[in-house]
C-alpha atoms as a PDB file:
ATOM      1  CA  UNK A   1      86.511 160.117  74.940  1.00  0.00           C
ATOM      2  CA  UNK A   2      89.541 158.248  75.529  1.00  0.00           C
ATOM      3  CA  UNK A   3      92.576 157.720  73.508  1.00  0.00           C
ATOM      4  CA  UNK A   4      96.235 156.711  73.285  1.00  0.00           C
ATOM      5  CA  UNK A   5      97.456 160.423  72.288  1.00  0.00           C
ATOM      6  CA  UNK A   6      96.306 163.365  71.587  1.00  0.00           C
ATOM      7  CA  UNK A   7      92.674 163.702  70.291  1.00  0.00           C
ATOM      8  CA  UNK A   8      92.357 164.990  66.875  1.00  0.00           C
ATOM      9  CA  UNK A   9      90.690 168.458  66.694  1.00  0.00           C
ATOM     10  CA  UNK A  10      89.151 167.485  63.071  1.00  0.00           C
ATOM     11  CA  UNK A  11      88.737 164.404  60.887  1.00  0.00           C
ATOM     12  CA  UNK A  12      86.855 162.801  58.429  1.00  0.00           C
ATOM     13  CA  UNK A  13      84.469 159.855  58.234  1.00  0.00           C
ATOM     14  CA  UNK A  14      85.253 158.175  55.038  1.00  0.00           C
ATOM     15  CA  UNK A  15      83.169 155.290  53.065  1.00  0.00           C
ATOM     16  CA  UNK A  16      84.908 152.857  50.472  1.00  0.00           C
ATOM     17  CA  UNK A  17      83.282 152.801  46.806  1.00  0.00           C
ATOM     18  CA  UNK A  18      83.757 149.241  46.503  1.00  0.00           C
ATOM     19  CA  UNK A  19      83.905 147.335  49.598  1.00  0.00           C
ATOM     20  CA  UNK A  20      81.643 150.001  51.646  1.00  0.00           C
ATOM     21  CA  UNK A  21      84.077 150.131  54.353  1.00  0.00           C
ATOM     22  CA  UNK A  22      83.325 152.908  56.929  1.00  0.00           C
ATOM     23  CA  UNK A  23      86.097 154.255  58.882  1.00  0.00           C
ATOM     24  CA  UNK A  24      87.707 157.566  60.262  1.00  0.00           C
ATOM     25  CA  UNK A  25      90.598 159.460  58.995  1.00  0.00           C
ATOM     26  CA  UNK A  26      92.637 162.305  60.787  1.00  0.00           C
ATOM     27  CA  UNK A  27      92.569 165.317  58.184  1.00  0.00           C
ATOM     28  CA  UNK A  28      96.384 165.826  58.524  1.00  0.00           C
ATOM     29  CA  UNK A  29      97.065 162.740  57.231  1.00  0.00           C
ATOM     30  CA  UNK A  30      97.275 161.391  53.368  1.00  0.00           C
ATOM     31  CA  UNK A  31      97.882 157.752  54.445  1.00  0.00           C
ATOM     32  CA  UNK A  32      94.217 156.273  54.370  1.00  0.00           C
ATOM     33  CA  UNK A  33      93.052 158.209  51.692  1.00  0.00           C
ATOM     34  CA  UNK A  34      92.226 154.511  50.089  1.00  0.00           C
ATOM     35  CA  UNK A  35      90.518 151.700  51.807  1.00  0.00           C
ATOM     36  CA  UNK A  36      92.718 149.941  54.234  1.00  0.00           C
ATOM     37  CA  UNK A  37      90.943 146.663  53.444  1.00  0.00           C
ATOM     38  CA  UNK A  38      90.604 146.538  49.841  1.00  0.00           C
ATOM     39  CA  UNK A  39      92.694 149.626  48.439  1.00  0.00           C
ATOM     40  CA  UNK A  40      89.455 151.187  46.754  1.00  0.00           C
ATOM     41  CA  UNK A  41      88.522 154.596  46.231  1.00  0.00           C
ATOM     42  CA  UNK A  42      86.810 156.277  49.299  1.00  0.00           C
ATOM     43  CA  UNK A  43      84.625 159.202  49.700  1.00  0.00           C
ATOM     44  CA  UNK A  44      84.187 161.693  52.575  1.00  0.00           C
ATOM     45  CA  UNK A  45      80.689 161.253  53.777  1.00  0.00           C
ATOM     46  CA  UNK A  46      81.011 163.566  57.035  1.00  0.00           C
ATOM     47  CA  UNK A  47      83.783 166.157  58.190  1.00  0.00           C
ATOM     48  CA  UNK A  48      83.970 166.514  62.155  1.00  0.00           C
ATOM     49  CA  UNK A  49      85.487 169.411  64.064  1.00  0.00           C
ATOM     50  CA  UNK A  50      85.016 169.265  67.745  1.00  0.00           C
ATOM     51  CA  UNK A  51      86.644 169.925  71.035  1.00  0.00           C
ATOM     52  CA  UNK A  52      86.738 167.865  73.980  1.00  0.00           C
ATOM     53  CA  UNK A  53      84.104 168.939  76.600  1.00  0.00           C
ATOM     54  CA  UNK A  54      85.634 169.786  79.868  1.00  0.00           C
ATOM     55  CA  UNK A  55      82.843 171.805  81.372  1.00  0.00           C
ATOM     56  CA  UNK A  56      80.581 170.539  84.250  1.00  0.00           C
ATOM     57  CA  UNK A  57      77.532 168.987  82.749  1.00  0.00           C
ATOM     58  CA  UNK A  58      74.321 170.947  83.412  1.00  0.00           C
ATOM     59  CA  UNK A  59      71.255 169.379  84.634  1.00  0.00           C
ATOM     60  CA  UNK A  60      69.596 167.408  81.623  1.00  0.00           C
ATOM     61  CA  UNK A  61      66.091 166.902  80.656  1.00  0.00           C
ATOM     62  CA  UNK A  62      64.346 163.956  82.377  1.00  0.00           C
ATOM     63  CA  UNK A  63      63.688 162.365  78.710  1.00  0.00           C
ATOM     64  CA  UNK A  64      67.374 161.623  78.642  1.00  0.00           C
ATOM     65  CA  UNK A  65      67.404 159.634  82.093  1.00  0.00           C
ATOM     66  CA  UNK A  66      64.498 157.125  81.212  1.00  0.00           C
ATOM     67  CA  UNK A  67      66.703 154.108  81.472  1.00  0.00           C
ATOM     68  CA  UNK A  68      67.253 155.008  85.217  1.00  0.00           C
ATOM     69  CA  UNK A  69      63.699 155.719  85.708  1.00  0.00           C
ATOM     70  CA  UNK A  70      62.702 152.293  84.084  1.00  0.00           C
ATOM     71  CA  UNK A  71      65.419 150.148  85.949  1.00  0.00           C
ATOM     72  CA  UNK A  72      63.822 151.923  89.289  1.00  0.00           C
ATOM     73  CA  UNK A  73      60.613 150.657  88.454  1.00  0.00           C
ATOM     74  CA  UNK A  74      61.760 147.241  87.406  1.00  0.00           C
ATOM     75  CA  UNK A  75      64.642 146.323  89.747  1.00  0.00           C
ATOM     76  CA  UNK A  76      63.507 142.893  90.042  1.00  0.00           C
ATOM     77  CA  UNK A  77      63.014 141.999  86.324  1.00  0.00           C
ATOM     78  CA  UNK A  78      65.838 139.808  85.012  1.00  0.00           C
ATOM     79  CA  UNK A  79      68.560 141.386  83.320  1.00  0.00           C
ATOM     80  CA  UNK A  80      68.478 141.587  79.469  1.00  0.00           C
ATOM     81  CA  UNK A  81      71.767 140.554  77.529  1.00  0.00           C
ATOM     82  CA  UNK A  82      74.300 142.679  76.623  1.00  0.00           C
ATOM     83  CA  UNK A  83      76.746 143.321  73.747  1.00  0.00           C
ATOM     84  CA  UNK A  84      79.524 145.823  72.881  1.00  0.00           C
ATOM     85  CA  UNK A  85      80.146 147.414  69.400  1.00  0.00           C
ATOM     86  CA  UNK A  86      84.004 148.438  68.523  1.00  0.00           C
ATOM     87  CA  UNK A  87      83.638 151.206  66.200  1.00  0.00           C
ATOM     88  CA  UNK A  88      86.854 151.474  64.133  1.00  0.00           C
ATOM     89  CA  UNK A  89      89.182 150.333  67.252  1.00  0.00           C
ATOM     90  CA  UNK A  90      92.828 150.402  65.723  1.00  0.00           C
ATOM     91  CA  UNK A  91      94.799 148.740  68.328  1.00  0.00           C
ATOM     92  CA  UNK A  92      94.656 144.494  68.526  1.00  0.00           C
ATOM     93  CA  UNK A  93      95.815 145.032  72.008  1.00  0.00           C
ATOM     94  CA  UNK A  94      92.661 147.086  72.901  1.00  0.00           C
ATOM     95  CA  UNK A  95      90.423 144.721  71.120  1.00  0.00           C
ATOM     96  CA  UNK A  96      91.727 141.599  72.990  1.00  0.00           C
ATOM     97  CA  UNK A  97      91.714 143.322  76.172  1.00  0.00           C
ATOM     98  CA  UNK A  98      87.959 144.246  75.581  1.00  0.00           C
ATOM     99  CA  UNK A  99      86.712 140.749  74.476  1.00  0.00           C
ATOM    100  CA  UNK A 100      88.504 139.397  77.525  1.00  0.00           C
ATOM    101  CA  UNK A 101      86.665 142.006  79.919  1.00  0.00           C
ATOM    102  CA  UNK A 102      83.263 141.711  77.913  1.00  0.00           C
ATOM    103  CA  UNK A 103      83.523 137.543  78.467  1.00  0.00           C
ATOM    104  CA  UNK A 104      84.056 138.474  82.081  1.00  0.00           C
ATOM    105  CA  UNK A 105      81.293 140.717  82.484  1.00  0.00           C
ATOM    106  CA  UNK A 106      78.776 138.455  80.981  1.00  0.00           C
ATOM    107  CA  UNK A 107      78.748 140.082  77.535  1.00  0.00           C
ATOM    108  CA  UNK A 108      76.659 137.909  74.949  1.00  0.00           C
ATOM    109  CA  UNK A 109      78.240 139.278  71.622  1.00  0.00           C
ATOM    110  CA  UNK A 110      80.819 141.683  70.411  1.00  0.00           C
ATOM    111  CA  UNK A 111      80.492 143.755  67.116  1.00  0.00           C
ATOM    112  CA  UNK A 112      83.668 144.479  65.421  1.00  0.00           C
ATOM    113  CA  UNK A 113      83.182 147.196  62.808  1.00  0.00           C
ATOM    114  CA  UNK A 114      85.271 149.138  60.178  1.00  0.00           C
ATOM    115  CA  UNK A 115      89.000 148.611  60.687  1.00  0.00           C
ATOM    116  CA  UNK A 116      88.886 146.960  64.103  1.00  0.00           C
ATOM    117  CA  UNK A 117      91.000 143.594  63.965  1.00  0.00           C
ATOM    118  CA  UNK A 118      89.020 140.536  64.645  1.00  0.00           C
ATOM    119  CA  UNK A 119      89.930 137.440  66.778  1.00  0.00           C
ATOM    120  CA  UNK A 120      91.578 135.838  63.747  1.00  0.00           C
ATOM    121  CA  UNK A 121      94.549 138.335  64.501  1.00  0.00           C
ATOM    122  CA  UNK A 122      97.130 136.801  66.327  1.00  0.00           C
ATOM    123  CA  UNK A 123      97.569 139.640  69.105  1.00  0.00           C
ATOM    124  CA  UNK A 124      93.840 139.769  69.736  1.00  0.00           C
ATOM    125  CA  UNK A 125      94.040 136.061  70.460  1.00  0.00           C
ATOM    126  CA  UNK A 126      97.047 136.460  72.595  1.00  0.00           C
ATOM    127  CA  UNK A 127      95.614 139.238  74.741  1.00  0.00           C
ATOM    128  CA  UNK A 128      91.983 138.043  75.032  1.00  0.00           C
ATOM    129  CA  UNK A 129      93.321 134.664  76.651  1.00  0.00           C
ATOM    130  CA  UNK A 130      90.719 132.613  75.026  1.00  0.00           C
ATOM    131  CA  UNK A 131      87.953 134.814  75.506  1.00  0.00           C
ATOM    132  CA  UNK A 132      87.074 134.773  71.491  1.00  0.00           C
ATOM    133  CA  UNK A 133      85.908 131.342  72.083  1.00  0.00           C
ATOM    134  CA  UNK A 134      83.171 132.015  75.053  1.00  0.00           C
ATOM    135  CA  UNK A 135      81.888 135.301  73.388  1.00  0.00           C
ATOM    136  CA  UNK A 136      80.354 135.317  69.968  1.00  0.00           C
ATOM    137  CA  UNK A 137      81.581 137.778  67.837  1.00  0.00           C
ATOM    138  CA  UNK A 138      80.633 139.012  64.233  1.00  0.00           C
ATOM    139  CA  UNK A 139      82.486 141.693  61.724  1.00  0.00           C
ATOM    140  CA  UNK A 140      80.709 144.513  59.818  1.00  0.00           C
ATOM    141  CA  UNK A 141      82.229 146.981  57.478  1.00  0.00           C
ATOM    142  CA  UNK A 142      79.694 149.919  58.330  1.00  0.00           C
ATOM    143  CA  UNK A 143      78.881 150.241  62.084  1.00  0.00           C
ATOM    144  CA  UNK A 144      76.062 153.021  60.775  1.00  0.00           C
ATOM    145  CA  UNK A 145      74.047 150.329  58.949  1.00  0.00           C
ATOM    146  CA  UNK A 146      74.412 147.539  61.704  1.00  0.00           C
ATOM    147  CA  UNK A 147      73.238 150.035  64.219  1.00  0.00           C
ATOM    148  CA  UNK A 148      70.357 151.313  62.137  1.00  0.00           C
ATOM    149  CA  UNK A 149      69.252 147.585  61.949  1.00  0.00           C
ATOM    150  CA  UNK A 150      69.966 146.823  65.870  1.00  0.00           C
ATOM    151  CA  UNK A 151      67.594 149.783  66.542  1.00  0.00           C
ATOM    152  CA  UNK A 152      64.711 148.362  64.213  1.00  0.00           C
ATOM    153  CA  UNK A 153      65.228 144.915  66.034  1.00  0.00           C
ATOM    154  CA  UNK A 154      64.397 146.961  69.118  1.00  0.00           C
ATOM    155  CA  UNK A 155      67.833 146.968  70.913  1.00  0.00           C
ATOM    156  CA  UNK A 156      68.871 149.892  73.175  1.00  0.00           C
ATOM    157  CA  UNK A 157      71.860 151.723  71.864  1.00  0.00           C
ATOM    158  CA  UNK A 158      74.246 153.633  74.278  1.00  0.00           C
ATOM    159  CA  UNK A 159      77.749 155.047  73.638  1.00  0.00           C
ATOM    160  CA  UNK A 160      80.720 155.768  75.799  1.00  0.00           C
ATOM    161  CA  UNK A 161      81.907 159.409  74.618  1.00  0.00           C
ATOM    162  CA  UNK A 162      82.464 162.977  75.881  1.00  0.00           C
ATOM    163  CA  UNK A 163      79.721 164.918  74.265  1.00  0.00           C
ATOM    164  CA  UNK A 164      77.201 167.576  75.473  1.00  0.00           C
ATOM    165  CA  UNK A 165      74.549 165.112  75.769  1.00  0.00           C
ATOM    166  CA  UNK A 166      76.509 162.824  77.895  1.00  0.00           C
ATOM    167  CA  UNK A 167      75.292 161.688  81.112  1.00  0.00           C
ATOM    168  CA  UNK A 168      77.872 160.500  83.702  1.00  0.00           C
ATOM    169  CA  UNK A 169      78.499 157.026  83.845  1.00  0.00           C
ATOM    170  CA  UNK A 170      77.666 156.344  87.637  1.00  0.00           C
ATOM    171  CA  UNK A 171      73.938 157.037  86.495  1.00  0.00           C
ATOM    172  CA  UNK A 172      73.760 154.274  83.987  1.00  0.00           C
ATOM    173  CA  UNK A 173      71.949 152.010  85.833  1.00  0.00           C
ATOM    174  CA  UNK A 174      71.405 148.359  85.277  1.00  0.00           C
ATOM    175  CA  UNK A 175      69.942 147.715  81.605  1.00  0.00           C
ATOM    176  CA  UNK A 176      66.149 146.325  81.437  1.00  0.00           C
ATOM    177  CA  UNK A 177      66.368 146.174  77.581  1.00  0.00           C
ATOM    178  CA  UNK A 178      68.616 144.310  75.250  1.00  0.00           C
ATOM    179  CA  UNK A 179      71.479 146.799  75.119  1.00  0.00           C
ATOM    180  CA  UNK A 180      74.212 147.558  72.710  1.00  0.00           C
ATOM    181  CA  UNK A 181      77.197 149.396  74.390  1.00  0.00           C
ATOM    182  CA  UNK A 182      79.342 151.598  71.428  1.00  0.00           C
ATOM    183  CA  UNK A 183      83.090 152.407  72.097  1.00  0.00           C
ATOM    184  CA  UNK A 184      84.868 154.418  69.639  1.00  0.00           C
ATOM    185  CA  UNK A 185      88.539 154.616  67.927  1.00  0.00           C
ATOM    186  CA  UNK A 186      91.485 155.737  70.230  1.00  0.00           C
ATOM    187  CA  UNK A 187      91.874 159.286  68.304  1.00  0.00           C
ATOM    188  CA  UNK A 188      88.969 160.000  66.868  1.00  0.00           C
ATOM    189  CA  UNK A 189      86.030 158.413  69.206  1.00  0.00           C
ATOM    190  CA  UNK A 190      82.691 157.392  68.285  1.00  0.00           C
ATOM    191  CA  UNK A 191      81.438 158.296  64.753  1.00  0.00           C
ATOM    192  CA  UNK A 192      79.317 161.460  65.444  1.00  0.00           C
ATOM    193  CA  UNK A 193      76.126 159.767  63.042  1.00  0.00           C
ATOM    194  CA  UNK A 194      76.504 156.797  65.439  1.00  0.00           C
ATOM    195  CA  UNK A 195      75.913 159.132  68.293  1.00  0.00           C
ATOM    196  CA  UNK A 196      72.755 160.609  66.826  1.00  0.00           C
ATOM    197  CA  UNK A 197      71.218 157.101  66.858  1.00  0.00           C
ATOM    198  CA  UNK A 198      71.905 156.324  70.615  1.00  0.00           C
ATOM    199  CA  UNK A 199      69.407 156.554  73.067  1.00  0.00           C
ATOM    200  CA  UNK A 200      71.808 157.709  75.587  1.00  0.00           C
ATOM    201  CA  UNK A 201      75.560 158.726  75.729  1.00  0.00           C
ATOM    202  CA  UNK A 202      77.796 158.485  78.862  1.00  0.00           C
ATOM    203  CA  UNK A 203      80.960 159.872  80.078  1.00  0.00           C
ATOM    204  CA  UNK A 204      83.641 158.999  82.540  1.00  0.00           C
ATOM    205  CA  UNK A 205      84.419 161.937  84.376  1.00  0.00           C
ATOM    206  CA  UNK A 206      88.331 162.708  85.121  1.00  0.00           C
ATOM    207  CA  UNK A 207      90.164 163.972  87.952  1.00  0.00           C
ATOM    208  CA  UNK A 208      93.730 164.105  87.111  1.00  0.00           C
ATOM    209  CA  UNK A 209      95.667 166.121  84.436  1.00  0.00           C
ATOM    210  CA  UNK A 210      94.690 163.718  81.543  1.00  0.00           C
ATOM    211  CA  UNK A 211      91.794 164.013  79.566  1.00  0.00           C
ATOM    212  CA  UNK A 212      90.831 160.614  79.211  1.00  0.00           C
ATOM    213  CA  UNK A 213      91.325 156.774  79.763  1.00  0.00           C
ATOM    214  CA  UNK A 214      92.524 154.348  77.563  1.00  0.00           C
ATOM    215  CA  UNK A 215      89.488 152.651  75.313  1.00  0.00           C
ATOM    216  CA  UNK A 216      89.976 149.405  77.003  1.00  0.00           C
ATOM    217  CA  UNK A 217      89.983 150.634  80.276  1.00  0.00           C
ATOM    218  CA  UNK A 218      87.113 153.005  79.531  1.00  0.00           C
ATOM    219  CA  UNK A 219      84.968 149.923  78.608  1.00  0.00           C
ATOM    220  CA  UNK A 220      85.685 148.231  81.812  1.00  0.00           C
ATOM    221  CA  UNK A 221      84.496 150.878  83.817  1.00  0.00           C
ATOM    222  CA  UNK A 222      81.096 151.313  81.728  1.00  0.00           C
ATOM    223  CA  UNK A 223      80.546 147.558  81.866  1.00  0.00           C
ATOM    224  CA  UNK A 224      81.062 147.023  85.584  1.00  0.00           C
ATOM    225  CA  UNK A 225      78.354 150.208  85.707  1.00  0.00           C
ATOM    226  CA  UNK A 226      76.023 147.960  83.290  1.00  0.00           C
ATOM    227  CA  UNK A 227      76.308 145.025  85.708  1.00  0.00           C
END
């Protein structure tokens, strides 16, 4: 996981009854009960309570490393296109930074979901330094619906998140599929229902006293590993 402050021990995933926006809300905060886009009534679709994973990963089943196996067999194949999905990133500065890095690493598309600000935001434009003109992007209110459709189209879905199933990012391997990398909210991380749709999740090991990187930095590390 990655954040700008302390991670939330619990939070809700809410969906707007009017416009369909899907976004996280930390339980302790009442602000945000109404939809931040249309101010419509919202409902709780999932309650999440978790702790950060701090123990070393055990050896995982070989099936979870199928991407690495395929890459070894197809090392001479042309690399397929990469895309990144921003799941409810709240900071326009982080979005602009990720757009700039995505362009630099040759990502073909950026999916902006939930409360994530788009390149129409002045701060996003200022931070991305024009990258929004080189990388195509699209906005989606519900990342879960989007990812379900992307999987039907044959896209490989991976996420960057601290969880029991996660594989160290150094094992990510070069993609041999059309791959979509998900990065999540700075406080609550990636939506758990999105993680359940992923083919693989990856984590970045920490060696200092802090438990996480800023989300834009974390994306850059994972993007470099993919390339």
